[in-house]
């Protein structure tokens, strides 16, 4: 079993590979999610290795510097692939005099207690 520090370094390397694969295959909607994972693992590794050693692990790759590139690519992807339009729900039919298919329910007579009662 690996020590936790080595395991976190492996996670950092794997998340960077996943980020680069997404960019290489031009799947621009994915890097934003993968970048967050890279950033959290980078911060974890940086705590025990320090910034210079952490950057040396991946030949100078730094998720802080990559954020700007990722944001530009994501914005470009969103511009080229707009979301589908939202469908507006249709209102339910309303009973009116022009709508003969909908029948109105008969209303029962309302009686107030104590009024209009025959005296004995």
Protein backbone atom coordinates (compact mmCIF):
# COMPACT_ATOMS: atom_id res chain seq x y z
CA UNK A 1 0.00 0.00 0.00
CA UNK A 2 1.33 3.42 -0.97
CA UNK A 3 1.68 6.25 1.51
CA UNK A 4 -1.02 8.92 1.15
CA UNK A 5 1.48 11.43 -0.26
CA UNK A 6 2.47 9.15 -3.14
CA UNK A 7 -1.16 8.33 -3.82
CA UNK A 8 -2.06 12.03 -4.02
CA UNK A 9 0.85 12.61 -6.45
CA UNK A 10 -0.51 9.77 -8.62
CA UNK A 11 -3.99 11.32 -8.53
CA UNK A 12 -2.51 14.68 -9.54
CA UNK A 13 -0.70 13.11 -12.50
CA UNK A 14 -3.80 11.16 -13.58
CA UNK A 15 -6.05 14.22 -13.42
CA UNK A 16 -3.56 16.19 -15.54
CA UNK A 17 -3.57 13.38 -18.13
CA UNK A 18 -7.38 13.38 -18.19
CA UNK A 19 -7.38 17.16 -18.70
CA UNK A 20 -4.89 16.93 -21.58
CA UNK A 21 -6.84 14.07 -23.20
CA UNK A 22 -10.05 16.11 -23.11
CA UNK A 23 -8.27 19.05 -24.75
CA UNK A 24 -6.62 16.81 -27.32
CA UNK A 25 -9.97 15.31 -28.38
CA UNK A 26 -11.58 18.79 -28.43
CA UNK A 27 -14.19 17.92 -25.82
CA UNK A 28 -14.35 21.45 -24.52
CA UNK A 29 -17.31 20.93 -22.17
CA UNK A 30 -15.31 18.48 -20.03
CA UNK A 31 -12.13 20.43 -19.06
CA UNK A 32 -13.95 22.73 -16.64
CA UNK A 33 -14.90 19.74 -14.48
CA UNK A 34 -11.54 18.02 -14.84
CA UNK A 35 -9.69 21.27 -14.12
CA UNK A 36 -11.43 21.54 -10.73
CA UNK A 37 -10.17 18.05 -9.89
CA UNK A 38 -6.65 19.00 -11.06
CA UNK A 39 -6.75 22.14 -8.95
CA UNK A 40 -7.81 20.35 -5.77
CA UNK A 41 -5.17 17.64 -6.20
CA UNK A 42 -2.56 20.31 -7.03
CA UNK A 43 -3.32 22.14 -3.79
CA UNK A 44 -3.06 18.88 -1.84
CA UNK A 45 0.32 17.95 -3.36
CA UNK A 46 1.60 21.52 -2.99
CA UNK A 47 1.11 21.33 0.78
CA UNK A 48 3.81 18.72 1.26
CA UNK A 49 6.05 19.26 -1.81
CA UNK A 50 5.91 23.01 -2.27
CA UNK A 51 5.11 24.93 -5.44
CA UNK A 52 8.41 24.50 -7.38
CA UNK A 53 8.57 20.73 -6.81
CA UNK A 54 4.90 20.28 -7.67
CA UNK A 55 5.38 22.09 -10.98
CA UNK A 56 8.46 19.96 -11.73
CA UNK A 57 6.39 16.77 -11.39
CA UNK A 58 4.59 17.52 -14.66
CA UNK A 59 7.31 19.43 -16.54
CA UNK A 60 6.16 22.86 -15.41
CA UNK A 61 2.43 22.30 -15.92
CA UNK A 62 0.49 24.40 -13.45
CA UNK A 63 -3.33 24.38 -13.20
CA UNK A 64 -3.33 28.01 -12.07
CA UNK A 65 -1.80 29.08 -15.39
CA UNK A 66 -4.02 26.68 -17.32
CA UNK A 67 -7.23 28.24 -15.99
CA UNK A 68 -7.17 31.11 -18.49
CA UNK A 69 -6.69 28.72 -21.42
CA UNK A 70 -9.48 26.48 -20.15
CA UNK A 71 -11.88 29.43 -19.75
CA UNK A 72 -11.19 30.63 -23.30
CA UNK A 73 -11.75 27.17 -24.77
CA UNK A 74 -14.96 26.67 -22.80
CA UNK A 75 -16.30 30.08 -23.89
CA UNK A 76 -15.44 29.27 -27.52
CA UNK A 77 -17.20 25.92 -27.28
CA UNK A 78 -20.34 27.50 -25.77
CA UNK A 79 -20.39 30.13 -28.52
CA UNK A 80 -20.20 27.45 -31.25
CA UNK A 81 -22.65 25.08 -29.51
CA UNK A 82 -25.54 27.09 -28.03
CA UNK A 83 -27.89 25.24 -25.66
CA UNK A 84 -31.19 24.02 -27.13
CA UNK A 85 -34.13 26.38 -26.63
CA UNK A 86 -36.28 25.72 -23.60
CA UNK A 87 -39.83 24.59 -24.26
CA UNK A 88 -42.50 26.78 -22.73
CA UNK A 89 -45.24 24.76 -20.98
CA UNK A 90 -48.70 25.24 -22.44
CA UNK A 91 -51.39 26.55 -20.09
CA UNK A 92 -54.31 24.29 -19.19
CA UNK A 93 -57.66 24.97 -20.92
CA UNK A 94 -59.88 27.42 -19.08
CA UNK A 95 -63.67 27.07 -18.88
CA UNK A 96 -65.38 29.92 -20.69
CA UNK A 97 -68.51 30.54 -22.72
CA UNK A 98 -66.57 30.09 -25.96
CA UNK A 99 -65.24 26.70 -24.86
CA UNK A 100 -68.22 24.36 -25.11
CA UNK A 101 -66.21 21.18 -24.43
CA UNK A 102 -65.61 22.04 -20.78
CA UNK A 103 -68.70 21.76 -18.59
CA UNK A 104 -69.12 23.79 -15.45
CA UNK A 105 -69.89 21.95 -12.24
CA UNK A 106 -73.21 22.84 -10.58
CA UNK A 107 -72.74 24.71 -7.34
CA UNK A 108 -74.66 23.68 -4.23
CA UNK A 109 -76.67 26.31 -2.40
CA UNK A 110 -74.94 27.72 0.64
CA UNK A 111 -76.97 28.22 3.80
CA UNK A 112 -75.85 30.29 6.69
CA UNK A 113 -76.47 28.87 10.14
CA UNK A 114 -79.14 30.59 12.12
CA UNK A 115 -80.65 32.55 9.27
CA UNK A 116 -83.84 31.94 7.36
CA UNK A 117 -84.78 29.02 9.53
CA UNK A 118 -88.47 28.48 10.28
CA UNK A 119 -89.49 29.42 13.81
CA UNK A 120 -91.12 26.74 15.85
